[in-house]
Amino acid sequence: MIHLNESARKELLKLARGSLDSYFATGKVGDTRPDRPELHQLAGAFVSLHRGDELRGCIGLIEPEGPLYRTVQRCAVSAAVEDFRFDPVTADELPEIKIEISVLSALKVADNISEIKVGKHGLYMVRGHRRGLLLPQVATDYGWDRESFLTQTCHKAGLSGDAWRDPATAIYLFEAQVFSE
């Protein structure tokens, strides 16, 4: 997993904010290229947008499709205008929007659910064409225990709540470095 120091985290947040500002001003994602080599590494990431305590959008890539900074720039804009669960963010809302970035580790198969540490691990469930992911901070935010986290991830995948008990359901763990404005 990429470990970003405070300065790199601030720069990544600035790039995400710049991409939102650029998109709402010009209709295009920002194309700033940072000098920091760690921001050019390959890593999956999610960008969550909040207005007060309300989630306004969350989009990410589990597997990297390019450098981390580019993933964050694209996901920031996608979270604002393409997350089908929410009305698109408006330009008027931008000053109230707070950005949270989760930089992901590689996925690891959970051989046993006892490996899952609530607050440390995120979960990704796969069964057939159904897939669902919950970031590590979601379980903490809702005060879930391990079984509740597994159940809710199944629901996110469109599966029954106990599908995690079925060997046909693949359960993956990952960690995330999470930081926000």
N, C-alpha and C. Protein backbone atom coordinates (compact mmCIF):
# COMPACT_ATOMS: atom_id res chain seq x y z
N MET A 1 0.84 -1.17 0.00
CA MET A 1 0.00 0.00 0.00
C MET A 1 0.89 1.24 0.00
N ILE A 2 0.48 2.23 -0.74
CA ILE A 2 1.21 3.50 -0.76
C ILE A 2 0.95 4.22 0.57
N HIS A 3 1.99 4.68 1.20
CA HIS A 3 1.84 5.47 2.42
C HIS A 3 2.19 6.91 2.08
N LEU A 4 1.22 7.78 2.20
CA LEU A 4 1.42 9.18 1.86
C LEU A 4 1.63 10.00 3.13
N ASN A 5 2.64 10.85 3.12
CA ASN A 5 2.85 11.73 4.26
C ASN A 5 1.83 12.88 4.19
N GLU A 6 1.81 13.70 5.21
CA GLU A 6 0.80 14.77 5.29
C GLU A 6 0.86 15.72 4.10
N SER A 7 2.04 16.04 3.67
CA SER A 7 2.20 16.95 2.54
C SER A 7 1.63 16.34 1.26
N ALA A 8 1.89 15.06 1.02
CA ALA A 8 1.37 14.37 -0.17
C ALA A 8 -0.15 14.26 -0.10
N ARG A 9 -0.68 14.00 1.10
CA ARG A 9 -2.14 13.92 1.26
C ARG A 9 -2.78 15.26 0.94
N LYS A 10 -2.17 16.35 1.44
CA LYS A 10 -2.71 17.69 1.15
C LYS A 10 -2.68 17.98 -0.35
N GLU A 11 -1.60 17.58 -1.00
CA GLU A 11 -1.51 17.82 -2.44
C GLU A 11 -2.57 17.03 -3.20
N LEU A 12 -2.81 15.79 -2.79
CA LEU A 12 -3.83 14.98 -3.45
C LEU A 12 -5.22 15.59 -3.24
N LEU A 13 -5.50 16.07 -2.04
CA LEU A 13 -6.78 16.75 -1.79
C LEU A 13 -6.90 18.02 -2.63
N LYS A 14 -5.82 18.75 -2.78
CA LYS A 14 -5.82 19.96 -3.60
C LYS A 14 -6.09 19.61 -5.07
N LEU A 15 -5.51 18.51 -5.54
CA LEU A 15 -5.75 18.07 -6.92
C LEU A 15 -7.22 17.68 -7.12
N ALA A 16 -7.80 17.00 -6.13
CA ALA A 16 -9.21 16.63 -6.22
C ALA A 16 -10.08 17.88 -6.26
N ARG A 17 -9.80 18.83 -5.37
CA ARG A 17 -10.57 20.08 -5.34
C ARG A 17 -10.41 20.83 -6.66
N GLY A 18 -9.19 20.88 -7.17
CA GLY A 18 -8.94 21.56 -8.45
C GLY A 18 -9.70 20.92 -9.59
N SER A 19 -9.81 19.61 -9.56
CA SER A 19 -10.55 18.90 -10.61
C SER A 19 -12.04 19.25 -10.56
N LEU A 20 -12.59 19.32 -9.35
CA LEU A 20 -14.00 19.72 -9.22
C LEU A 20 -14.20 21.15 -9.71
N ASP A 21 -13.33 22.06 -9.27
CA ASP A 21 -13.44 23.46 -9.70
C ASP A 21 -13.34 23.57 -11.21
N SER A 22 -12.38 22.86 -11.79
CA SER A 22 -12.18 22.87 -13.24
C SER A 22 -13.41 22.33 -13.96
N TYR A 23 -13.94 21.20 -13.47
CA TYR A 23 -15.10 20.60 -14.12
C TYR A 23 -16.30 21.54 -14.10
N PHE A 24 -16.57 22.16 -12.96
CA PHE A 24 -17.73 23.03 -12.88
C PHE A 24 -17.53 24.35 -13.63
N ALA A 25 -16.28 24.75 -13.88
CA ALA A 25 -16.01 25.97 -14.64
C ALA A 25 -15.94 25.72 -16.15
N THR A 26 -15.38 24.53 -16.54
CA THR A 26 -15.11 24.31 -17.97
C THR A 26 -15.76 23.05 -18.54
N GLY A 27 -16.28 22.17 -17.67
CA GLY A 27 -16.81 20.89 -18.13
C GLY A 27 -15.74 19.84 -18.33
N LYS A 28 -14.49 20.13 -17.95
CA LYS A 28 -13.39 19.19 -18.13
C LYS A 28 -12.71 18.92 -16.79
N VAL A 29 -12.24 17.69 -16.63
CA VAL A 29 -11.48 17.30 -15.43
C VAL A 29 -10.14 18.01 -15.48
N GLY A 30 -9.66 18.49 -14.34
CA GLY A 30 -8.34 19.12 -14.29
C GLY A 30 -7.26 18.18 -14.77
N ASP A 31 -6.19 18.73 -15.31
CA ASP A 31 -5.11 17.88 -15.83
C ASP A 31 -3.75 18.23 -15.20
N THR A 32 -3.77 18.75 -13.99
CA THR A 32 -2.54 19.07 -13.28
C THR A 32 -1.76 17.78 -13.00
N ARG A 33 -0.46 17.82 -13.26
CA ARG A 33 0.42 16.68 -12.99
C ARG A 33 1.33 17.05 -11.83
N PRO A 34 1.22 16.36 -10.72
CA PRO A 34 2.08 16.68 -9.57
C PRO A 34 3.50 16.19 -9.78
N ASP A 35 4.44 16.82 -9.08
CA ASP A 35 5.85 16.41 -9.16
C ASP A 35 6.16 15.22 -8.27
N ARG A 36 5.37 15.02 -7.22
CA ARG A 36 5.66 13.96 -6.24
C ARG A 36 5.58 12.57 -6.88
N PRO A 37 6.65 11.80 -6.82
CA PRO A 37 6.64 10.46 -7.44
C PRO A 37 5.61 9.53 -6.81
N GLU A 38 5.34 9.66 -5.50
CA GLU A 38 4.38 8.75 -4.86
C GLU A 38 2.97 8.93 -5.40
N LEU A 39 2.65 10.10 -5.94
CA LEU A 39 1.32 10.32 -6.50
C LEU A 39 1.20 9.77 -7.91
N HIS A 40 2.32 9.34 -8.48
CA HIS A 40 2.33 8.72 -9.81
C HIS A 40 2.28 7.19 -9.73
N GLN A 41 2.33 6.64 -8.51
CA GLN A 41 2.27 5.20 -8.34
C GLN A 41 0.87 4.69 -8.68
N LEU A 42 0.79 3.41 -8.97
CA LEU A 42 -0.50 2.78 -9.26
C LEU A 42 -1.17 2.37 -7.95
N ALA A 43 -2.42 2.79 -7.77
CA ALA A 43 -3.18 2.41 -6.59
C ALA A 43 -4.65 2.68 -6.85
N GLY A 44 -5.49 1.83 -6.29
CA GLY A 44 -6.92 2.08 -6.32
C GLY A 44 -7.25 3.16 -5.31
N ALA A 45 -8.33 3.87 -5.55
CA ALA A 45 -8.74 4.93 -4.63
C ALA A 45 -10.22 5.22 -4.79
N PHE A 46 -10.81 5.73 -3.70
CA PHE A 46 -12.19 6.20 -3.71
C PHE A 46 -12.19 7.65 -3.26
N VAL A 47 -13.09 8.42 -3.85
CA VAL A 47 -13.31 9.80 -3.42
C VAL A 47 -14.75 9.90 -2.95
N SER A 48 -14.91 10.35 -1.71
CA SER A 48 -16.24 10.56 -1.12
C SER A 48 -16.44 12.06 -0.93
N LEU A 49 -17.63 12.52 -1.29
CA LEU A 49 -17.97 13.93 -1.13
C LEU A 49 -19.06 14.04 -0.08
N HIS A 50 -18.86 14.94 0.87
CA HIS A 50 -19.81 15.14 1.96
C HIS A 50 -20.24 16.60 1.99
N ARG A 51 -21.50 16.80 2.30
CA ARG A 51 -22.02 18.15 2.57
C ARG A 51 -22.58 18.06 3.98
N GLY A 52 -21.87 18.65 4.93
CA GLY A 52 -22.22 18.45 6.33
C GLY A 52 -22.03 16.98 6.66
N ASP A 53 -23.04 16.37 7.28
CA ASP A 53 -22.98 14.94 7.61
C ASP A 53 -23.54 14.07 6.50
N GLU A 54 -23.95 14.67 5.41
CA GLU A 54 -24.62 13.96 4.32
C GLU A 54 -23.63 13.55 3.23
N LEU A 55 -23.63 12.26 2.86
CA LEU A 55 -22.84 11.80 1.73
C LEU A 55 -23.50 12.29 0.45
N ARG A 56 -22.71 12.91 -0.44
CA ARG A 56 -23.25 13.44 -1.70
C ARG A 56 -22.75 12.66 -2.91
N GLY A 57 -21.79 11.78 -2.70
CA GLY A 57 -21.30 10.96 -3.79
C GLY A 57 -20.04 10.23 -3.36
N CYS A 58 -19.86 9.04 -3.93
CA CYS A 58 -18.67 8.25 -3.63
C CYS A 58 -18.41 7.33 -4.82
N ILE A 59 -17.28 7.53 -5.45
CA ILE A 59 -16.90 6.73 -6.62
C ILE A 59 -15.42 6.38 -6.48
N GLY A 60 -15.06 5.19 -6.92
CA GLY A 60 -13.66 4.80 -6.87
C GLY A 60 -13.33 3.66 -7.78
N LEU A 61 -12.08 3.34 -7.80
CA LEU A 61 -11.56 2.21 -8.56
C LEU A 61 -10.81 1.30 -7.61
N ILE A 62 -11.20 0.03 -7.61
CA ILE A 62 -10.54 -0.95 -6.76
C ILE A 62 -9.14 -1.24 -7.29
N GLU A 63 -9.06 -1.44 -8.56
CA GLU A 63 -7.79 -1.73 -9.23
C GLU A 63 -7.36 -0.48 -9.97
N PRO A 64 -6.08 -0.13 -9.90
CA PRO A 64 -5.62 1.08 -10.58
C PRO A 64 -5.72 0.97 -12.09
N GLU A 65 -6.10 2.07 -12.72
CA GLU A 65 -6.12 2.16 -14.18
C GLU A 65 -5.14 3.22 -14.67
N GLY A 66 -4.33 3.71 -13.75
CA GLY A 66 -3.37 4.75 -14.06
C GLY A 66 -2.79 5.26 -12.77
N PRO A 67 -2.04 6.37 -12.84
CA PRO A 67 -1.43 6.89 -11.63
C PRO A 67 -2.47 7.34 -10.61
N LEU A 68 -2.11 7.28 -9.34
CA LEU A 68 -3.02 7.62 -8.26
C LEU A 68 -3.62 9.01 -8.43
N TYR A 69 -2.82 9.99 -8.79
CA TYR A 69 -3.34 11.35 -8.90
C TYR A 69 -4.44 11.44 -9.95
N ARG A 70 -4.28 10.72 -11.04
CA ARG A 70 -5.28 10.74 -12.13
C ARG A 70 -6.56 10.04 -11.67
N THR A 71 -6.41 8.93 -10.97
CA THR A 71 -7.58 8.21 -10.43
C THR A 71 -8.37 9.14 -9.53
N VAL A 72 -7.68 9.86 -8.65
CA VAL A 72 -8.37 10.77 -7.72
C VAL A 72 -9.05 11.91 -8.47
N GLN A 73 -8.39 12.47 -9.47
CA GLN A 73 -9.00 13.56 -10.24
C GLN A 73 -10.30 13.09 -10.91
N ARG A 74 -10.24 11.94 -11.57
CA ARG A 74 -11.43 11.42 -12.26
C ARG A 74 -12.54 11.04 -11.28
N CYS A 75 -12.15 10.38 -10.19
CA CYS A 75 -13.16 9.91 -9.23
C CYS A 75 -13.82 11.08 -8.50
N ALA A 76 -13.10 12.17 -8.28
CA ALA A 76 -13.70 13.34 -7.63
C ALA A 76 -14.85 13.87 -8.48
N VAL A 77 -14.61 14.01 -9.77
CA VAL A 77 -15.66 14.51 -10.66
C VAL A 77 -16.78 13.49 -10.80
N SER A 78 -16.43 12.22 -10.93
CA SER A 78 -17.47 11.18 -11.03
C SER A 78 -18.34 11.13 -9.79
N ALA A 79 -17.72 11.28 -8.61
CA ALA A 79 -18.49 11.27 -7.37
C ALA A 79 -19.48 12.43 -7.34
N ALA A 80 -19.09 13.55 -7.93
CA ALA A 80 -19.95 14.74 -7.93
C ALA A 80 -21.13 14.62 -8.89
N VAL A 81 -20.90 14.00 -10.04
CA VAL A 81 -21.95 14.06 -11.08
C VAL A 81 -22.42 12.71 -11.63
N GLU A 82 -21.78 11.60 -11.25
CA GLU A 82 -22.15 10.32 -11.85
C GLU A 82 -22.60 9.26 -10.86
N ASP A 83 -22.60 9.55 -9.55
CA ASP A 83 -23.05 8.55 -8.58
C ASP A 83 -24.57 8.52 -8.64
N PHE A 84 -25.12 7.48 -9.24
CA PHE A 84 -26.56 7.37 -9.50
C PHE A 84 -27.40 7.37 -8.23
N ARG A 85 -26.79 7.16 -7.09
CA ARG A 85 -27.55 7.12 -5.84
C ARG A 85 -27.95 8.51 -5.35
N PHE A 86 -27.35 9.54 -5.93
CA PHE A 86 -27.55 10.91 -5.47
C PHE A 86 -27.83 11.84 -6.64
N ASP A 87 -28.54 12.93 -6.35
CA ASP A 87 -28.64 14.00 -7.34
C ASP A 87 -27.24 14.56 -7.54
N PRO A 88 -26.91 14.99 -8.77
CA PRO A 88 -25.58 15.56 -8.99
C PRO A 88 -25.33 16.78 -8.10
N VAL A 89 -24.09 16.91 -7.68
CA VAL A 89 -23.67 18.09 -6.94
C VAL A 89 -23.79 19.29 -7.88
N THR A 90 -24.18 20.43 -7.34
CA THR A 90 -24.29 21.64 -8.15
C THR A 90 -23.11 22.56 -7.86
N ALA A 91 -22.86 23.48 -8.76
CA ALA A 91 -21.78 24.45 -8.56
C ALA A 91 -22.00 25.26 -7.29
N ASP A 92 -23.25 25.55 -6.97
CA ASP A 92 -23.56 26.33 -5.76
C ASP A 92 -23.19 25.57 -4.49
N GLU A 93 -23.20 24.25 -4.55
CA GLU A 93 -22.87 23.42 -3.38
C GLU A 93 -21.36 23.31 -3.14
N LEU A 94 -20.57 23.53 -4.17
CA LEU A 94 -19.13 23.26 -4.09
C LEU A 94 -18.44 23.83 -2.84
N PRO A 95 -18.71 25.07 -2.44
CA PRO A 95 -18.02 25.58 -1.25
C PRO A 95 -18.34 24.79 0.02
N GLU A 96 -19.46 24.09 0.05
CA GLU A 96 -19.86 23.32 1.23
C GLU A 96 -19.41 21.86 1.16
N ILE A 97 -18.92 21.42 0.01
CA ILE A 97 -18.51 20.03 -0.18
C ILE A 97 -17.13 19.81 0.42
N LYS A 98 -17.02 18.76 1.23
CA LYS A 98 -15.75 18.33 1.80
C LYS A 98 -15.34 17.03 1.12
N ILE A 99 -14.08 16.94 0.79
CA ILE A 99 -13.55 15.79 0.05
C ILE A 99 -12.83 14.84 1.01
N GLU A 100 -13.13 13.54 0.85
CA GLU A 100 -12.44 12.49 1.58
C GLU A 100 -11.86 11.53 0.55
N ILE A 101 -10.61 11.18 0.72
CA ILE A 101 -9.93 10.26 -0.20
C ILE A 101 -9.52 9.01 0.58
N SER A 102 -9.76 7.86 -0.02
CA SER A 102 -9.33 6.56 0.52
C SER A 102 -8.41 5.92 -0.50
N VAL A 103 -7.13 5.81 -0.18
CA VAL A 103 -6.16 5.15 -1.06
C VAL A 103 -6.08 3.69 -0.62
N LEU A 104 -6.37 2.79 -1.55
CA LEU A 104 -6.53 1.38 -1.22
C LEU A 104 -5.26 0.55 -1.36
N SER A 105 -5.16 -0.46 -0.52
CA SER A 105 -4.14 -1.49 -0.69
C SER A 105 -4.66 -2.47 -1.74
N ALA A 106 -3.84 -3.43 -2.09
CA ALA A 106 -4.29 -4.51 -2.97
C ALA A 106 -5.30 -5.38 -2.23
N LEU A 107 -6.18 -6.02 -2.98
CA LEU A 107 -7.16 -6.94 -2.40
C LEU A 107 -6.46 -8.22 -1.94
N LYS A 108 -6.99 -8.79 -0.85
CA LYS A 108 -6.50 -10.06 -0.33
C LYS A 108 -7.72 -10.94 -0.05
N VAL A 109 -7.68 -12.18 -0.47
CA VAL A 109 -8.77 -13.12 -0.19
C VAL A 109 -8.83 -13.36 1.32
N ALA A 110 -10.04 -13.28 1.87
CA ALA A 110 -10.23 -13.59 3.29
C ALA A 110 -10.46 -15.09 3.39
N ASP A 111 -9.48 -15.79 3.91
CA ASP A 111 -9.60 -17.24 4.07
C ASP A 111 -10.53 -17.60 5.23
N ASN A 112 -10.63 -16.69 6.19
CA ASN A 112 -11.45 -16.92 7.36
C ASN A 112 -11.97 -15.56 7.82
N ILE A 113 -13.25 -15.48 8.19
CA ILE A 113 -13.80 -14.17 8.56
C ILE A 113 -13.14 -13.61 9.82
N SER A 114 -12.47 -14.45 10.59
CA SER A 114 -11.79 -13.94 11.79
C SER A 114 -10.65 -12.99 11.42
N GLU A 115 -10.21 -13.02 10.16
CA GLU A 115 -9.17 -12.10 9.69
C GLU A 115 -9.69 -10.66 9.61
N ILE A 116 -10.99 -10.49 9.48
CA ILE A 116 -11.58 -9.17 9.26
C ILE A 116 -11.51 -8.36 10.56
N LYS A 117 -10.82 -7.24 10.49
CA LYS A 117 -10.72 -6.32 11.62
C LYS A 117 -11.55 -5.08 11.29
N VAL A 118 -12.67 -4.91 12.01
CA VAL A 118 -13.56 -3.77 11.78
C VAL A 118 -12.78 -2.48 12.07
N GLY A 119 -12.87 -1.55 11.13
CA GLY A 119 -12.16 -0.28 11.25
C GLY A 119 -10.81 -0.29 10.56
N LYS A 120 -10.26 -1.47 10.36
CA LYS A 120 -8.98 -1.60 9.66
C LYS A 120 -9.19 -2.04 8.22
N HIS A 121 -10.09 -3.00 8.02
CA HIS A 121 -10.31 -3.57 6.69
C HIS A 121 -11.58 -3.04 6.05
N GLY A 122 -11.51 -2.91 4.73
CA GLY A 122 -12.70 -2.74 3.92
C GLY A 122 -13.04 -4.10 3.37
N LEU A 123 -14.26 -4.27 2.87
CA LEU A 123 -14.70 -5.55 2.32
C LEU A 123 -15.17 -5.39 0.89
N TYR A 124 -14.88 -6.41 0.10
CA TYR A 124 -15.35 -6.49 -1.28
C TYR A 124 -15.89 -7.89 -1.47
N MET A 125 -17.18 -8.00 -1.78
CA MET A 125 -17.84 -9.29 -1.97
C MET A 125 -18.11 -9.51 -3.45
N VAL A 126 -17.89 -10.73 -3.88
CA VAL A 126 -18.14 -11.09 -5.27
C VAL A 126 -18.86 -12.43 -5.30
N ARG A 127 -19.97 -12.46 -6.01
CA ARG A 127 -20.68 -13.72 -6.25
C ARG A 127 -21.35 -13.61 -7.60
N GLY A 128 -20.84 -14.39 -8.55
CA GLY A 128 -21.35 -14.28 -9.92
C GLY A 128 -21.07 -12.88 -10.44
N HIS A 129 -22.11 -12.26 -10.99
CA HIS A 129 -21.94 -10.90 -11.52
C HIS A 129 -22.21 -9.83 -10.47
N ARG A 130 -22.56 -10.22 -9.27
CA ARG A 130 -22.86 -9.26 -8.19
C ARG A 130 -21.59 -8.93 -7.40
N ARG A 131 -21.44 -7.64 -7.15
CA ARG A 131 -20.26 -7.15 -6.45
C ARG A 131 -20.66 -6.01 -5.54
N GLY A 132 -20.04 -5.94 -4.38
CA GLY A 132 -20.30 -4.85 -3.46
C GLY A 132 -19.06 -4.55 -2.63
N LEU A 133 -18.82 -3.28 -2.38
CA LEU A 133 -17.66 -2.86 -1.62
C LEU A 133 -18.08 -1.84 -0.57
N LEU A 134 -17.53 -1.98 0.61
CA LEU A 134 -17.68 -0.97 1.66
C LEU A 134 -16.29 -0.64 2.20
N LEU A 135 -16.01 0.64 2.28
CA LEU A 135 -14.72 1.12 2.79
C LEU A 135 -14.62 0.86 4.30
N PRO A 136 -13.40 0.78 4.84
CA PRO A 136 -13.23 0.48 6.27
C PRO A 136 -13.95 1.46 7.19
N GLN A 137 -13.99 2.72 6.84
CA GLN A 137 -14.59 3.73 7.72
C GLN A 137 -16.11 3.62 7.80
N VAL A 138 -16.74 2.93 6.86
CA VAL A 138 -18.20 2.78 6.89
C VAL A 138 -18.63 1.97 8.11
N ALA A 139 -17.94 0.87 8.37
CA ALA A 139 -18.29 0.03 9.52
C ALA A 139 -18.12 0.80 10.82
N THR A 140 -17.06 1.57 10.91
CA THR A 140 -16.81 2.37 12.11
C THR A 140 -17.88 3.45 12.26
N ASP A 141 -18.19 4.14 11.16
CA ASP A 141 -19.20 5.22 11.20
C ASP A 141 -20.55 4.71 11.71
N TYR A 142 -20.90 3.48 11.33
CA TYR A 142 -22.20 2.93 11.72
C TYR A 142 -22.15 2.07 12.99
N GLY A 143 -20.95 1.87 13.53
CA GLY A 143 -20.82 1.09 14.74
C GLY A 143 -21.10 -0.40 14.55
N TRP A 144 -20.80 -0.92 13.36
CA TRP A 144 -21.06 -2.32 13.06
C TRP A 144 -20.00 -3.23 13.67
N ASP A 145 -20.43 -4.44 14.01
CA ASP A 145 -19.49 -5.50 14.35
C ASP A 145 -19.15 -6.24 13.05
N ARG A 146 -18.32 -7.27 13.16
CA ARG A 146 -17.88 -8.00 11.97
C ARG A 146 -19.05 -8.58 11.16
N GLU A 147 -19.98 -9.25 11.83
CA GLU A 147 -21.10 -9.87 11.11
C GLU A 147 -22.00 -8.83 10.46
N SER A 148 -22.23 -7.72 11.14
CA SER A 148 -23.04 -6.65 10.54
C SER A 148 -22.35 -6.10 9.30
N PHE A 149 -21.04 -5.94 9.36
CA PHE A 149 -20.26 -5.44 8.23
C PHE A 149 -20.36 -6.40 7.05
N LEU A 150 -20.23 -7.69 7.32
CA LEU A 150 -20.37 -8.70 6.28
C LEU A 150 -21.78 -8.66 5.67
N THR A 151 -22.78 -8.58 6.52
CA THR A 151 -24.17 -8.55 6.07
C THR A 151 -24.43 -7.32 5.19
N GLN A 152 -23.97 -6.17 5.64
CA GLN A 152 -24.21 -4.93 4.88
C GLN A 152 -23.46 -4.92 3.56
N THR A 153 -22.28 -5.53 3.52
CA THR A 153 -21.54 -5.62 2.26
C THR A 153 -22.28 -6.53 1.29
N CYS A 154 -22.88 -7.61 1.80
CA CYS A 154 -23.71 -8.48 0.96
C CYS A 154 -24.87 -7.68 0.38
N HIS A 155 -25.55 -6.91 1.22
CA HIS A 155 -26.67 -6.09 0.74
C HIS A 155 -26.20 -5.12 -0.35
N LYS A 156 -25.03 -4.52 -0.15
CA LYS A 156 -24.49 -3.58 -1.14
C LYS A 156 -24.29 -4.28 -2.48
N ALA A 157 -23.96 -5.58 -2.43
CA ALA A 157 -23.75 -6.37 -3.64
C ALA A 157 -25.07 -6.87 -4.23
N GLY A 158 -26.18 -6.60 -3.55
CA GLY A 158 -27.47 -7.09 -4.03
C GLY A 158 -27.71 -8.55 -3.69
N LEU A 159 -27.01 -9.01 -2.66
CA LEU A 159 -27.14 -10.40 -2.22
C LEU A 159 -27.95 -10.46 -0.93
N SER A 160 -28.38 -11.64 -0.56
CA SER A 160 -29.03 -11.80 0.74
C SER A 160 -27.99 -11.52 1.83
N GLY A 161 -28.44 -11.08 2.97
CA GLY A 161 -27.55 -10.70 4.05
C GLY A 161 -26.64 -11.79 4.56
N ASP A 162 -27.03 -13.05 4.36
CA ASP A 162 -26.18 -14.14 4.84
C ASP A 162 -25.38 -14.81 3.73
N ALA A 163 -25.32 -14.18 2.56
CA ALA A 163 -24.58 -14.76 1.43
C ALA A 163 -23.10 -14.92 1.74
N TRP A 164 -22.59 -14.16 2.71
CA TRP A 164 -21.17 -14.28 3.06
C TRP A 164 -20.85 -15.65 3.64
N ARG A 165 -21.87 -16.37 4.14
CA ARG A 165 -21.65 -17.70 4.71
C ARG A 165 -21.49 -18.78 3.63
N ASP A 166 -21.90 -18.46 2.41
CA ASP A 166 -21.86 -19.42 1.31
C ASP A 166 -20.47 -19.42 0.67
N PRO A 167 -19.85 -20.59 0.53
CA PRO A 167 -18.51 -20.66 -0.07
C PRO A 167 -18.46 -20.13 -1.51
N ALA A 168 -19.60 -20.00 -2.16
CA ALA A 168 -19.63 -19.46 -3.53
C ALA A 168 -19.42 -17.94 -3.53
N THR A 169 -19.50 -17.32 -2.38
CA THR A 169 -19.27 -15.87 -2.27
C THR A 169 -17.82 -15.63 -1.89
N ALA A 170 -17.11 -14.91 -2.76
CA ALA A 170 -15.72 -14.56 -2.48
C ALA A 170 -15.69 -13.30 -1.62
N ILE A 171 -14.90 -13.33 -0.57
CA ILE A 171 -14.76 -12.19 0.33
C ILE A 171 -13.31 -11.73 0.26
N TYR A 172 -13.14 -10.46 -0.08
CA TYR A 172 -11.81 -9.87 -0.16
C TYR A 172 -11.67 -8.77 0.89
N LEU A 173 -10.47 -8.63 1.43
CA LEU A 173 -10.13 -7.59 2.39
C LEU A 173 -9.20 -6.60 1.72
N PHE A 174 -9.23 -5.38 2.21
CA PHE A 174 -8.23 -4.40 1.82
C PHE A 174 -8.12 -3.38 2.94
N GLU A 175 -7.05 -2.63 2.92
CA GLU A 175 -6.88 -1.54 3.87
C GLU A 175 -6.92 -0.24 3.07
N ALA A 176 -7.12 0.86 3.78
CA ALA A 176 -7.16 2.15 3.11
C ALA A 176 -6.52 3.22 3.99
N GLN A 177 -5.78 4.09 3.34
CA GLN A 177 -5.30 5.29 4.01
C GLN A 177 -6.37 6.34 3.71
N VAL A 178 -7.04 6.81 4.76
CA VAL A 178 -8.19 7.71 4.59
C VAL A 178 -7.83 9.08 5.17
N PHE A 179 -8.11 10.13 4.39
CA PHE A 179 -7.84 11.50 4.83
C PHE A 179 -8.82 12.43 4.13
N SER A 180 -9.04 13.58 4.73
CA SER A 180 -10.04 14.51 4.19
C SER A 180 -9.63 15.96 4.46
N GLU A 181 -10.35 16.85 3.80
CA GLU A 181 -10.13 18.29 3.99
C GLU A 181 -10.50 18.68 5.41
